[in-house]
Amino acid sequence: MMTTLFEQETEVGKCSCPLEDNDTFKYAEPDYSLIYAQTIASMNGHKGLLRVEHHCYLRHGGEVPDQPWIKPEVILEPVTQSKEELIEWARQAHEKFAEQVRKRFPEEYLV
């Protein structure tokens, strides 16, 4: 059974959101999506594996559409540390991933 140790999402910026008719403006205002980096770390058993999943997605209204630029990442590590150390490691991994998203997101879409 997997136990979630850490879960966090961080808003890393805004991007222009093309609408269905390929117009980036709705009414007189630009229409933006928020860019999020998310990390979920879970552990399998007491001395099993730590699974860390990183995702980048866009939130536009109530929707969470996929984006093609930042692919999801999964890290599997043997559990060799205390639960507190694993949580701190996952927090640091999340911060690094959020920074990578900021750097790798296509500049032409950022606002």
C-alpha atoms as a PDB file:
ATOM      1  CA  MET A   1       0.000   0.000   0.000  1.00  0.00           C
ATOM      2  CA  MET A   2       1.303   3.449  -0.956  1.00  0.00           C
ATOM      3  CA  THR A   3       1.418   6.141   1.711  1.00  0.00           C
ATOM      4  CA  THR A   4       1.598   9.769   0.587  1.00  0.00           C
ATOM      5  CA  LEU A   5       4.399  11.598   2.402  1.00  0.00           C
ATOM      6  CA  PHE A   6       4.434  14.885   0.544  1.00  0.00           C
ATOM      7  CA  GLU A   7       2.184  16.692  -1.906  1.00  0.00           C
ATOM      8  CA  GLN A   8       2.622  20.258  -3.095  1.00  0.00           C
ATOM      9  CA  GLU A   9       1.741  22.405  -6.070  1.00  0.00           C
ATOM     10  CA  THR A  10       3.350  25.737  -6.831  1.00  0.00           C
ATOM     11  CA  GLU A  11       2.211  28.410  -9.252  1.00  0.00           C
ATOM     12  CA  VAL A  12       5.250  29.192 -11.381  1.00  0.00           C
ATOM     13  CA  GLY A  13       3.846  31.752 -13.804  1.00  0.00           C
ATOM     14  CA  LYS A  14       1.211  32.732 -16.337  1.00  0.00           C
ATOM     15  CA  CYS A  15       0.961  31.993 -20.017  1.00  0.00           C
ATOM     16  CA  SER A  16      -1.250  33.098 -22.851  1.00  0.00           C
ATOM     17  CA  CYS A  17      -3.981  30.573 -23.463  1.00  0.00           C
ATOM     18  CA  PRO A  18      -5.061  30.115 -27.077  1.00  0.00           C
ATOM     19  CA  LEU A  19      -8.834  29.889 -27.288  1.00  0.00           C
ATOM     20  CA  GLU A  20     -10.710  27.493 -29.536  1.00  0.00           C
ATOM     21  CA  ASP A  21     -10.962  30.089 -32.286  1.00  0.00           C
ATOM     22  CA  ASN A  22      -7.158  30.728 -31.975  1.00  0.00           C
ATOM     23  CA  ASP A  23      -7.759  34.180 -30.542  1.00  0.00           C
ATOM     24  CA  THR A  24      -5.784  34.933 -27.375  1.00  0.00           C
ATOM     25  CA  PHE A  25      -8.131  37.744 -26.334  1.00  0.00           C
ATOM     26  CA  LYS A  26     -11.574  37.359 -24.830  1.00  0.00           C
ATOM     27  CA  TYR A  27     -13.525  40.572 -24.846  1.00  0.00           C
ATOM     28  CA  ALA A  28     -10.916  43.331 -24.429  1.00  0.00           C
ATOM     29  CA  GLU A  29      -8.766  41.485 -21.876  1.00  0.00           C
ATOM     30  CA  PRO A  30      -6.052  38.881 -22.476  1.00  0.00           C
ATOM     31  CA  ASP A  31      -6.995  35.354 -21.413  1.00  0.00           C
ATOM     32  CA  TYR A  32      -4.268  33.711 -19.308  1.00  0.00           C
ATOM     33  CA  SER A  33      -3.667  30.286 -17.834  1.00  0.00           C
ATOM     34  CA  LEU A  34      -1.718  29.695 -14.636  1.00  0.00           C
ATOM     35  CA  ILE A  35       1.287  27.348 -14.818  1.00  0.00           C
ATOM     36  CA  TYR A  36       1.659  24.891 -11.930  1.00  0.00           C
ATOM     37  CA  ALA A  37       4.384  22.474 -10.888  1.00  0.00           C
ATOM     38  CA  GLN A  38       3.157  19.602  -8.723  1.00  0.00           C
ATOM     39  CA  THR A  39       5.075  16.992  -6.742  1.00  0.00           C
ATOM     40  CA  ILE A  40       3.661  13.927  -5.022  1.00  0.00           C
ATOM     41  CA  ALA A  41       5.943  11.669  -2.985  1.00  0.00           C
ATOM     42  CA  SER A  42       4.667   8.350  -1.729  1.00  0.00           C
ATOM     43  CA  MET A  43       6.280   5.417   0.002  1.00  0.00           C
ATOM     44  CA  ASN A  44       5.623   1.727  -0.501  1.00  0.00           C
ATOM     45  CA  GLY A  45       5.789   0.052   2.911  1.00  0.00           C
ATOM     46  CA  HIS A  46       8.281   0.760   5.698  1.00  0.00           C
ATOM     47  CA  LYS A  47      11.477  -0.178   3.871  1.00  0.00           C
ATOM     48  CA  GLY A  48      10.249  -0.146   0.273  1.00  0.00           C
ATOM     49  CA  LEU A  49      10.548   2.445  -2.448  1.00  0.00           C
ATOM     50  CA  LEU A  50      10.005   6.169  -2.463  1.00  0.00           C
ATOM     51  CA  ARG A  51       8.116   7.280  -5.581  1.00  0.00           C
ATOM     52  CA  VAL A  52       8.334  10.974  -6.464  1.00  0.00           C
ATOM     53  CA  GLU A  53       6.129  12.238  -9.308  1.00  0.00           C
ATOM     54  CA  HIS A  54       6.564  15.670 -10.861  1.00  0.00           C
ATOM     55  CA  HIS A  55       3.900  17.172 -13.138  1.00  0.00           C
ATOM     56  CA  CYS A  56       3.496  20.503 -14.893  1.00  0.00           C
ATOM     57  CA  TYR A  57       0.021  21.592 -15.922  1.00  0.00           C
ATOM     58  CA  LEU A  58      -2.013  24.644 -16.821  1.00  0.00           C
ATOM     59  CA  ARG A  59      -5.073  25.756 -14.917  1.00  0.00           C
ATOM     60  CA  HIS A  60      -7.597  27.787 -16.854  1.00  0.00           C
ATOM     61  CA  GLY A  61     -10.811  28.405 -14.941  1.00  0.00           C
ATOM     62  CA  GLY A  62     -11.861  25.053 -13.516  1.00  0.00           C
ATOM     63  CA  GLU A  63     -10.011  23.070 -16.186  1.00  0.00           C
ATOM     64  CA  VAL A  64      -6.546  21.563 -15.978  1.00  0.00           C
ATOM     65  CA  PRO A  65      -5.527  21.148 -19.631  1.00  0.00           C
ATOM     66  CA  ASP A  66      -2.370  19.265 -20.505  1.00  0.00           C
ATOM     67  CA  GLN A  67       0.619  21.100 -21.891  1.00  0.00           C
ATOM     68  CA  PRO A  68       3.162  19.454 -24.208  1.00  0.00           C
ATOM     69  CA  TRP A  69       6.390  21.195 -23.167  1.00  0.00           C
ATOM     70  CA  ILE A  70       7.275  19.800 -19.744  1.00  0.00           C
ATOM     71  CA  LYS A  71       6.894  16.026 -19.534  1.00  0.00           C
ATOM     72  CA  PRO A  72       5.955  14.314 -16.242  1.00  0.00           C
ATOM     73  CA  GLU A  73       8.874  12.841 -14.290  1.00  0.00           C
ATOM     74  CA  VAL A  74       8.910   9.854 -11.945  1.00  0.00           C
ATOM     75  CA  ILE A  75      11.803   9.110  -9.586  1.00  0.00           C
ATOM     76  CA  LEU A  76      12.086   5.815  -7.696  1.00  0.00           C
ATOM     77  CA  GLU A  77      14.500   5.664  -4.766  1.00  0.00           C
ATOM     78  CA  PRO A  78      15.070   2.995  -2.125  1.00  0.00           C
ATOM     79  CA  VAL A  79      13.956   4.108   1.327  1.00  0.00           C
ATOM     80  CA  THR A  80      17.171   4.542   3.310  1.00  0.00           C
ATOM     81  CA  GLN A  81      16.318   7.622   5.390  1.00  0.00           C
ATOM     82  CA  SER A  82      13.836   8.584   8.080  1.00  0.00           C
ATOM     83  CA  LYS A  83      10.370   9.765   7.102  1.00  0.00           C
ATOM     84  CA  GLU A  84      11.265  13.359   8.012  1.00  0.00           C
ATOM     85  CA  GLU A  85      14.393  13.260   5.829  1.00  0.00           C
ATOM     86  CA  LEU A  86      12.374  11.825   2.924  1.00  0.00           C
ATOM     87  CA  ILE A  87       9.806  14.619   3.242  1.00  0.00           C
ATOM     88  CA  GLU A  88      12.573  17.244   3.249  1.00  0.00           C
ATOM     89  CA  TRP A  89      14.219  15.601   0.211  1.00  0.00           C
ATOM     90  CA  ALA A  90      10.859  15.605  -1.627  1.00  0.00           C
ATOM     91  CA  ARG A  91      10.321  19.292  -0.729  1.00  0.00           C
ATOM     92  CA  GLN A  92      13.737  20.193  -2.151  1.00  0.00           C
ATOM     93  CA  ALA A  93      13.071  18.087  -5.267  1.00  0.00           C
ATOM     94  CA  HIS A  94       9.782  19.987  -5.730  1.00  0.00           C
ATOM     95  CA  GLU A  95      11.549  23.355  -5.503  1.00  0.00           C
ATOM     96  CA  LYS A  96      14.121  22.236  -8.101  1.00  0.00           C
ATOM     97  CA  PHE A  97      11.382  20.978 -10.437  1.00  0.00           C
ATOM     98  CA  ALA A  98       9.424  24.239 -10.109  1.00  0.00           C
ATOM     99  CA  GLU A  99      12.579  26.176 -11.018  1.00  0.00           C
ATOM    100  CA  GLN A 100      13.191  23.885 -14.020  1.00  0.00           C
ATOM    101  CA  VAL A 101       9.632  24.535 -15.209  1.00  0.00           C
ATOM    102  CA  ARG A 102      10.237  28.294 -14.997  1.00  0.00           C
ATOM    103  CA  LYS A 103      13.369  27.929 -17.132  1.00  0.00           C
ATOM    104  CA  ARG A 104      12.085  25.375 -19.671  1.00  0.00           C
ATOM    105  CA  PHE A 105       8.586  26.706 -20.366  1.00  0.00           C
ATOM    106  CA  PRO A 106       8.546  28.214 -23.890  1.00  0.00           C
ATOM    107  CA  GLU A 107       9.229  31.920 -23.572  1.00  0.00           C
ATOM    108  CA  GLU A 108       6.789  32.908 -26.322  1.00  0.00           C
ATOM    109  CA  TYR A 109       3.848  31.746 -24.173  1.00  0.00           C
ATOM    110  CA  LEU A 110       4.891  33.404 -20.899  1.00  0.00           C
ATOM    111  CA  VAL A 111       3.368  36.676 -19.738  1.00  0.00           C
END
